[in-house]
N, C-alpha and C. Protein backbone atom coordinates (compact mmCIF):
# COMPACT_ATOMS: atom_id res chain seq x y z
N MET A 1 -14.25 -23.16 14.17
CA MET A 1 -14.26 -21.19 14.53
C MET A 1 -14.97 -21.18 14.92
N GLU A 2 -13.99 -19.69 16.29
CA GLU A 2 -15.16 -19.09 17.33
C GLU A 2 -15.13 -18.19 16.91
N LYS A 3 -16.17 -17.15 16.44
CA LYS A 3 -16.23 -16.10 15.85
C LYS A 3 -15.60 -15.15 16.95
N GLY A 4 -16.19 -15.36 18.22
CA GLY A 4 -16.27 -14.76 19.61
C GLY A 4 -14.30 -14.35 19.79
N ALA A 5 -13.38 -15.98 19.92
CA ALA A 5 -12.23 -15.58 19.56
C ALA A 5 -11.33 -14.56 19.85
N PRO A 6 -10.33 -14.03 20.88
CA PRO A 6 -9.61 -12.68 19.98
C PRO A 6 -7.99 -13.50 19.00
N ILE A 7 -8.35 -12.18 18.62
CA ILE A 7 -7.13 -12.15 17.31
C ILE A 7 -6.06 -13.09 16.95
N LYS A 8 -6.13 -12.87 18.87
CA LYS A 8 -4.47 -13.06 19.24
C LYS A 8 -3.91 -14.26 18.89
N VAL A 9 -5.15 -15.15 18.82
CA VAL A 9 -4.93 -17.11 18.99
C VAL A 9 -4.89 -16.74 17.40
N TYR A 10 -5.28 -16.00 16.15
CA TYR A 10 -4.81 -16.85 14.84
C TYR A 10 -4.02 -16.56 14.29
N MET A 11 -3.66 -15.79 15.27
CA MET A 11 -2.49 -14.13 14.95
C MET A 11 -1.28 -15.04 14.28
N THR A 12 -0.19 -14.67 13.55
CA THR A 12 1.05 -14.94 13.74
C THR A 12 1.94 -13.56 14.13
N ARG A 13 2.71 -13.95 15.29
CA ARG A 13 3.29 -13.24 15.87
C ARG A 13 4.95 -12.82 15.59
N LYS A 14 5.46 -12.97 13.78
CA LYS A 14 6.19 -13.63 13.67
C LYS A 14 6.01 -12.08 11.90
N LEU A 15 7.09 -11.46 12.02
CA LEU A 15 6.82 -9.98 11.68
C LEU A 15 7.75 -9.63 9.80
N ILE A 16 8.02 -9.58 9.39
CA ILE A 16 9.04 -10.30 8.39
C ILE A 16 8.55 -8.91 7.67
N GLY A 17 9.86 -7.91 7.32
CA GLY A 17 9.71 -6.20 7.82
C GLY A 17 11.23 -6.34 6.35
N VAL A 18 10.73 -5.20 5.77
CA VAL A 18 12.10 -4.26 5.01
C VAL A 18 11.89 -2.69 5.60
N GLU A 19 13.03 -1.84 5.43
CA GLU A 19 13.37 -0.50 5.82
C GLU A 19 12.75 -0.13 4.75
N PRO A 20 11.75 1.66 5.09
CA PRO A 20 12.04 2.11 3.89
C PRO A 20 12.11 3.03 2.51
N GLU A 21 13.95 2.56 2.73
CA GLU A 21 14.73 2.28 1.93
C GLU A 21 15.65 1.26 1.17
N ASP A 22 15.00 0.19 1.15
CA ASP A 22 15.06 -1.07 0.78
C ASP A 22 14.59 -1.19 -0.39
N THR A 23 14.68 -1.24 -1.50
CA THR A 23 13.97 -2.11 -3.04
C THR A 23 12.53 -1.81 -2.87
N VAL A 24 12.39 -1.80 -4.22
CA VAL A 24 10.34 -2.61 -4.29
C VAL A 24 11.44 -4.07 -4.30
N LYS A 25 12.15 -4.13 -5.41
CA LYS A 25 13.54 -5.87 -5.71
C LYS A 25 13.40 -6.08 -4.12
N LYS A 26 13.87 -5.71 -3.54
CA LYS A 26 14.66 -6.83 -1.94
C LYS A 26 13.48 -6.92 -0.99
N ALA A 27 12.47 -5.98 -0.67
CA ALA A 27 11.35 -5.81 -0.67
C ALA A 27 10.59 -7.44 -1.74
N CYS A 28 10.50 -8.14 -1.83
CA CYS A 28 9.98 -8.64 -3.92
C CYS A 28 10.21 -9.69 -2.77
N GLU A 29 11.43 -9.99 -3.28
CA GLU A 29 13.10 -11.49 -2.85
C GLU A 29 12.42 -11.04 -1.13
N THR A 30 12.45 -10.66 -0.77
CA THR A 30 12.28 -11.13 0.83
C THR A 30 10.41 -11.58 0.52
N MET A 31 9.67 -11.32 -0.11
CA MET A 31 8.37 -11.69 0.11
C MET A 31 8.67 -13.50 -0.76
N VAL A 32 9.13 -13.93 -1.44
CA VAL A 32 9.19 -15.14 -2.76
C VAL A 32 9.94 -15.76 -1.25
N GLU A 33 11.14 -15.02 -0.64
CA GLU A 33 11.61 -16.04 0.03
C GLU A 33 11.34 -16.42 1.08
N PHE A 34 9.94 -16.05 2.31
CA PHE A 34 9.58 -16.16 3.24
C PHE A 34 7.39 -16.71 2.51
N ASP A 35 7.64 -17.09 0.81
CA ASP A 35 6.24 -17.16 1.11
C ASP A 35 4.97 -16.66 1.24
N ILE A 36 4.79 -14.95 1.91
CA ILE A 36 4.27 -14.10 2.10
C ILE A 36 3.59 -12.64 0.91
N GLY A 37 2.36 -12.82 1.83
CA GLY A 37 2.11 -11.51 0.69
C GLY A 37 2.61 -10.21 0.58
N SER A 38 2.36 -9.45 2.07
CA SER A 38 2.96 -9.20 2.95
C SER A 38 3.69 -8.27 3.58
N LEU A 39 4.63 -7.03 3.88
CA LEU A 39 5.69 -6.98 4.70
C LEU A 39 5.47 -5.94 4.96
N VAL A 40 5.66 -5.84 6.98
CA VAL A 40 5.89 -4.39 7.50
C VAL A 40 6.76 -3.94 6.95
N VAL A 41 6.95 -2.51 6.68
CA VAL A 41 7.99 -1.06 6.88
C VAL A 41 8.52 -1.39 8.74
N VAL A 42 9.34 -1.32 8.51
CA VAL A 42 9.73 -1.30 9.97
C VAL A 42 11.85 0.09 9.54
N GLU A 43 11.13 1.15 10.42
CA GLU A 43 12.10 2.01 10.71
C GLU A 43 12.79 2.87 12.34
N GLU A 44 14.35 2.62 12.77
CA GLU A 44 14.21 2.51 14.10
C GLU A 44 13.57 1.56 14.83
N GLY A 45 13.07 0.57 14.79
CA GLY A 45 11.88 -0.20 15.54
C GLY A 45 11.03 -0.83 15.42
N ARG A 46 10.03 0.41 15.01
CA ARG A 46 8.55 0.37 14.31
C ARG A 46 8.54 0.37 13.48
N VAL A 47 7.20 -0.12 13.33
CA VAL A 47 6.99 0.27 11.69
C VAL A 47 6.44 1.16 11.55
N VAL A 48 6.08 1.85 10.25
CA VAL A 48 5.93 3.37 9.60
C VAL A 48 5.60 2.25 8.56
N GLY A 49 5.09 1.04 8.34
CA GLY A 49 4.52 1.26 6.57
C GLY A 49 3.72 -0.31 6.50
N PHE A 50 3.38 -0.79 5.27
CA PHE A 50 2.90 -1.87 5.04
C PHE A 50 3.44 -2.27 3.84
N PHE A 51 3.49 -3.07 2.91
CA PHE A 51 3.52 -3.43 1.15
C PHE A 51 2.74 -4.67 1.77
N THR A 52 2.25 -4.17 0.19
CA THR A 52 1.76 -5.82 0.25
C THR A 52 1.89 -5.67 -1.39
N LYS A 53 1.32 -6.86 -1.83
CA LYS A 53 1.59 -7.47 -3.00
C LYS A 53 0.76 -6.92 -4.16
N SER A 54 -0.34 -6.43 -3.38
CA SER A 54 -1.50 -5.60 -5.17
C SER A 54 -0.68 -4.48 -4.59
N ASP A 55 0.98 -3.77 -4.13
CA ASP A 55 0.35 -2.69 -3.75
C ASP A 55 1.53 -2.41 -4.56
N ILE A 56 2.58 -3.57 -5.56
CA ILE A 56 3.70 -3.86 -6.15
C ILE A 56 2.41 -3.57 -7.15
N ILE A 57 1.24 -4.57 -7.48
CA ILE A 57 0.87 -4.30 -9.07
C ILE A 57 0.66 -2.57 -8.77
N ARG A 58 -0.46 -2.46 -8.52
CA ARG A 58 -1.35 -1.01 -8.31
C ARG A 58 0.42 -0.16 -8.24
N ARG A 59 1.47 0.13 -7.81
CA ARG A 59 1.88 1.35 -7.76
C ARG A 59 3.55 1.25 -7.89
N VAL A 60 3.51 0.30 -8.88
CA VAL A 60 4.57 -0.42 -9.01
C VAL A 60 4.29 -0.24 -11.16
N VAL A 61 3.08 -1.50 -10.45
CA VAL A 61 3.74 -1.97 -12.10
C VAL A 61 3.18 -1.30 -13.08
N ILE A 62 1.32 -1.31 -13.07
CA ILE A 62 1.46 -0.56 -13.74
C ILE A 62 1.40 0.83 -14.02
N PRO A 63 1.79 1.10 -13.18
CA PRO A 63 2.73 3.07 -13.92
C PRO A 63 3.87 2.73 -13.93
N GLY A 64 4.54 1.77 -14.14
CA GLY A 64 5.56 1.30 -15.20
C GLY A 64 7.44 1.35 -14.24
N LEU A 65 6.87 1.98 -13.03
CA LEU A 65 7.95 1.85 -11.64
C LEU A 65 9.25 1.33 -12.56
N PRO A 66 10.61 2.18 -12.13
CA PRO A 66 11.81 0.10 -11.94
C PRO A 66 11.86 -0.07 -10.39
N ASN A 67 12.29 -1.13 -10.93
CA ASN A 67 11.95 -1.98 -8.94
C ASN A 67 13.21 -1.07 -8.00
N SER A 68 13.28 -0.35 -8.46
CA SER A 68 14.62 -0.70 -7.93
C SER A 68 14.18 1.66 -6.66
N THR A 69 12.34 1.34 -7.91
CA THR A 69 11.96 2.40 -6.63
C THR A 69 12.13 1.96 -5.03
N PRO A 70 12.30 2.60 -3.66
CA PRO A 70 12.87 2.65 -2.95
C PRO A 70 11.21 2.36 -1.99
N VAL A 71 10.90 1.19 -1.10
CA VAL A 71 9.65 0.93 -0.01
C VAL A 71 8.86 2.41 -0.39
N ARG A 72 9.76 3.65 0.59
CA ARG A 72 8.71 3.87 1.10
C ARG A 72 8.61 5.14 -0.13
N GLU A 73 8.34 4.83 -1.22
CA GLU A 73 7.98 6.22 -2.37
C GLU A 73 6.04 5.06 -1.96
N ILE A 74 6.52 4.04 -2.08
CA ILE A 74 4.65 3.24 -2.44
C ILE A 74 3.98 2.51 -1.46
N MET A 75 4.42 2.48 -0.41
CA MET A 75 4.48 1.61 0.88
C MET A 75 2.94 2.15 1.76
N SER A 76 2.45 1.55 2.32
CA SER A 76 1.17 2.10 2.20
C SER A 76 1.08 2.38 4.56
N ARG A 77 1.06 4.20 4.55
CA ARG A 77 1.01 5.05 5.39
C ARG A 77 0.27 4.90 6.40
N GLU A 78 -1.04 4.73 5.94
CA GLU A 78 -2.46 4.15 6.87
C GLU A 78 -2.52 3.00 7.88
N LEU A 79 -2.09 2.46 8.24
CA LEU A 79 -2.34 1.85 9.29
C LEU A 79 -3.54 0.85 9.58
N ILE A 80 -4.14 -0.08 9.18
CA ILE A 80 -5.03 -0.19 9.36
C ILE A 80 -4.86 -1.35 10.62
N THR A 81 -5.42 -2.01 12.48
CA THR A 81 -5.29 -2.35 12.83
C THR A 81 -5.98 -2.59 14.37
N VAL A 82 -5.91 -3.97 15.08
CA VAL A 82 -7.42 -3.97 15.62
C VAL A 82 -5.94 -4.11 16.82
N GLY A 83 -6.58 -3.74 17.79
CA GLY A 83 -5.87 -5.06 18.73
C GLY A 83 -6.45 -6.29 19.55
N SER A 84 -4.80 -7.20 20.17
CA SER A 84 -4.96 -7.94 20.06
C SER A 84 -6.52 -8.81 20.79
N ASN A 85 -6.60 -8.34 21.48
CA ASN A 85 -8.22 -9.17 21.78
C ASN A 85 -9.57 -9.41 21.43
N THR A 86 -9.20 -8.66 19.98
CA THR A 86 -10.40 -8.22 19.00
C THR A 86 -11.44 -9.47 18.72
N PRO A 87 -11.71 -9.35 18.70
CA PRO A 87 -13.11 -10.89 18.22
C PRO A 87 -13.04 -10.84 16.77
N LEU A 88 -12.28 -12.58 16.98
CA LEU A 88 -12.04 -12.85 15.50
C LEU A 88 -12.99 -11.56 14.17
N GLN A 89 -14.94 -12.64 14.21
CA GLN A 89 -15.76 -12.40 12.91
C GLN A 89 -15.70 -10.69 13.46
N ASP A 90 -15.43 -9.53 14.15
CA ASP A 90 -14.71 -8.48 14.30
C ASP A 90 -14.23 -7.67 13.36
N VAL A 91 -12.65 -8.31 13.79
CA VAL A 91 -11.43 -7.87 12.67
C VAL A 91 -12.12 -8.79 11.36
N LEU A 92 -12.74 -10.35 10.69
CA LEU A 92 -13.15 -10.21 9.28
C LEU A 92 -14.34 -9.63 9.18
N ASP A 93 -15.24 -8.87 9.80
CA ASP A 93 -15.95 -7.29 9.45
C ASP A 93 -14.73 -6.10 8.63
N LEU A 94 -14.50 -6.03 9.37
CA LEU A 94 -13.49 -4.76 9.27
C LEU A 94 -12.69 -5.46 8.13
N MET A 95 -12.00 -6.12 7.55
CA MET A 95 -10.96 -6.39 6.55
C MET A 95 -12.78 -6.57 5.47
N ALA A 96 -13.77 -7.22 5.74
CA ALA A 96 -14.60 -6.98 4.05
C ALA A 96 -15.18 -5.95 4.34
N LYS A 97 -14.74 -4.67 4.78
CA LYS A 97 -14.93 -3.71 5.05
C LYS A 97 -14.47 -3.34 4.46
N LYS A 98 -12.86 -2.47 4.93
CA LYS A 98 -11.95 -1.76 4.44
C LYS A 98 -10.75 -2.63 2.83
N GLY A 99 -12.29 -3.77 2.61
CA GLY A 99 -11.47 -4.22 1.19
C GLY A 99 -9.48 -5.24 1.77
N VAL A 100 -9.53 -5.00 2.46
CA VAL A 100 -8.24 -5.58 3.19
C VAL A 100 -7.86 -7.17 3.60
N LYS A 101 -6.94 -7.21 3.19
CA LYS A 101 -7.09 -8.97 3.07
C LYS A 101 -5.93 -9.47 4.55
N HIS A 102 -4.87 -8.87 4.93
CA HIS A 102 -3.99 -8.04 5.87
C HIS A 102 -4.41 -7.36 7.24
N MET A 103 -4.51 -7.41 8.15
CA MET A 103 -4.62 -6.89 9.42
C MET A 103 -3.55 -6.75 10.27
N LEU A 104 -3.13 -5.88 10.29
CA LEU A 104 -1.75 -5.61 12.13
C LEU A 104 -2.83 -5.66 13.85
N ILE A 105 -1.73 -6.42 14.15
CA ILE A 105 -2.47 -6.36 15.11
C ILE A 105 -1.23 -6.21 16.50
N GLU A 106 -2.50 -4.69 17.59
CA GLU A 106 -1.92 -4.49 17.90
C GLU A 106 -1.93 -4.73 19.48
N GLU A 107 -0.53 -4.11 20.21
CA GLU A 107 -1.28 -4.13 21.82
C GLU A 107 -0.16 -3.00 22.41
N ASN A 108 -1.07 -2.70 23.28
CA ASN A 108 -0.38 -1.70 23.74
C ASN A 108 0.92 -0.49 22.44
N GLY A 109 -0.14 -0.18 22.08
CA GLY A 109 -0.05 0.56 21.24
C GLY A 109 1.56 0.91 20.95
N LYS A 110 1.82 -0.74 19.77
CA LYS A 110 2.80 -1.38 19.57
C LYS A 110 2.56 -3.21 18.26
N ILE A 111 2.12 -2.68 17.63
CA ILE A 111 2.45 -3.80 17.04
C ILE A 111 3.44 -5.42 17.05
N VAL A 112 2.41 -6.64 18.20
CA VAL A 112 3.28 -7.53 17.50
C VAL A 112 2.81 -8.42 16.76
N GLY A 113 1.74 -8.34 15.60
CA GLY A 113 1.39 -9.79 15.20
C GLY A 113 0.81 -9.06 13.86
N ILE A 114 0.14 -9.61 12.31
CA ILE A 114 -0.26 -10.47 11.60
C ILE A 114 -1.26 -11.50 11.55
N PHE A 115 -2.30 -11.00 11.13
CA PHE A 115 -3.55 -11.56 10.80
C PHE A 115 -4.02 -11.61 9.55
N THR A 116 -3.60 -12.83 8.70
CA THR A 116 -4.02 -12.98 7.41
C THR A 116 -5.72 -13.72 7.07
N LEU A 117 -6.25 -14.36 6.04
CA LEU A 117 -7.05 -15.21 5.57
C LEU A 117 -6.16 -16.46 5.56
N SER A 118 -4.72 -16.37 5.28
CA SER A 118 -4.62 -17.96 5.17
C SER A 118 -4.23 -17.92 7.21
N ASP A 119 -4.12 -17.54 8.21
CA ASP A 119 -3.76 -18.35 9.32
C ASP A 119 -5.29 -18.90 9.55
N LEU A 120 -6.34 -18.10 8.82
CA LEU A 120 -7.91 -18.38 8.84
C LEU A 120 -7.93 -20.39 8.58
N LEU A 121 -6.42 -19.24 7.36
CA LEU A 121 -7.33 -21.30 6.61
C LEU A 121 -5.85 -21.98 7.26
N ALA A 122 -5.04 -21.77 7.25
CA ALA A 122 -4.42 -23.00 8.75
C ALA A 122 -5.20 -23.49 9.32
N ALA A 123 -5.61 -22.71 10.91
CA ALA A 123 -6.60 -22.49 12.02
C ALA A 123 -7.87 -24.26 11.52
N SER A 124 -8.98 -23.01 9.78
CA SER A 124 -9.46 -24.49 10.37
C SER A 124 -8.98 -25.91 9.79
N ARG A 125 -7.93 -26.04 9.49
CA ARG A 125 -7.46 -27.34 8.47
C ARG A 125 -6.47 -27.51 9.29
N ARG A 126 -6.03 -27.26 10.83
CA ARG A 126 -5.77 -27.80 12.16
C ARG A 126 -7.15 -28.42 12.55
N ARG A 127 -7.72 -27.28 12.43
CA ARG A 127 -8.59 -28.76 13.57
C ARG A 127 -9.84 -29.27 12.66
N LEU A 128 -9.98 -28.98 11.66
CA LEU A 128 -10.14 -30.25 11.02
C LEU A 128 -9.65 -32.09 11.06
N GLU A 129 -8.06 -31.46 11.04
CA GLU A 129 -6.96 -32.76 11.26
C GLU A 129 -7.91 -33.45 12.64
N THR A 130 -7.71 -32.23 13.63
CA THR A 130 -8.07 -33.24 14.98
C THR A 130 -8.97 -33.77 15.64
N ALA A 131 -9.73 -32.82 14.51
CA ALA A 131 -11.04 -33.73 14.55
C ALA A 131 -11.69 -35.01 14.18
N ILE A 132 -10.67 -35.50 12.63
CA ILE A 132 -10.26 -36.24 12.12
C ILE A 132 -9.41 -37.15 13.33
N ALA A 133 -8.27 -37.30 13.13
CA ALA A 133 -7.57 -38.06 14.52
C ALA A 133 -8.40 -38.48 15.55
N ALA A 134 -9.31 -38.15 15.72
CA ALA A 134 -10.31 -37.98 17.26
C ALA A 134 -11.10 -39.25 16.15
N GLU A 135 -11.76 -39.68 15.06
CA GLU A 135 -12.68 -40.56 15.25
C GLU A 135 -12.11 -41.52 15.52
């Protein structure tokens, strides 16, 4: 893993999201369908929030809210982003400092991707498989 490589090398460009008025149930179904732990919340073509498995536990299950609650009521509005050219090590340091498992990637003021620890594991696995194949 090259710690100085820009995060865009590791990020996932396919963003999966829901709308603010969608229910928590619909958001959870989307997460299960795509086997992911987070969603962007999109309104009129722009990302306005972020929704994670952790939000479900902390903001829905524990307080006892119904799964019909709109995502807008529990999504995180404060988006933590980094530029697409930010070095991997800086992103990992920021994630550790903020205590987050997902990082939104920004280019020219627009969210263009997401980076998760799973992306890092996938890149490590590909690198290992390449090394083994070369032997």
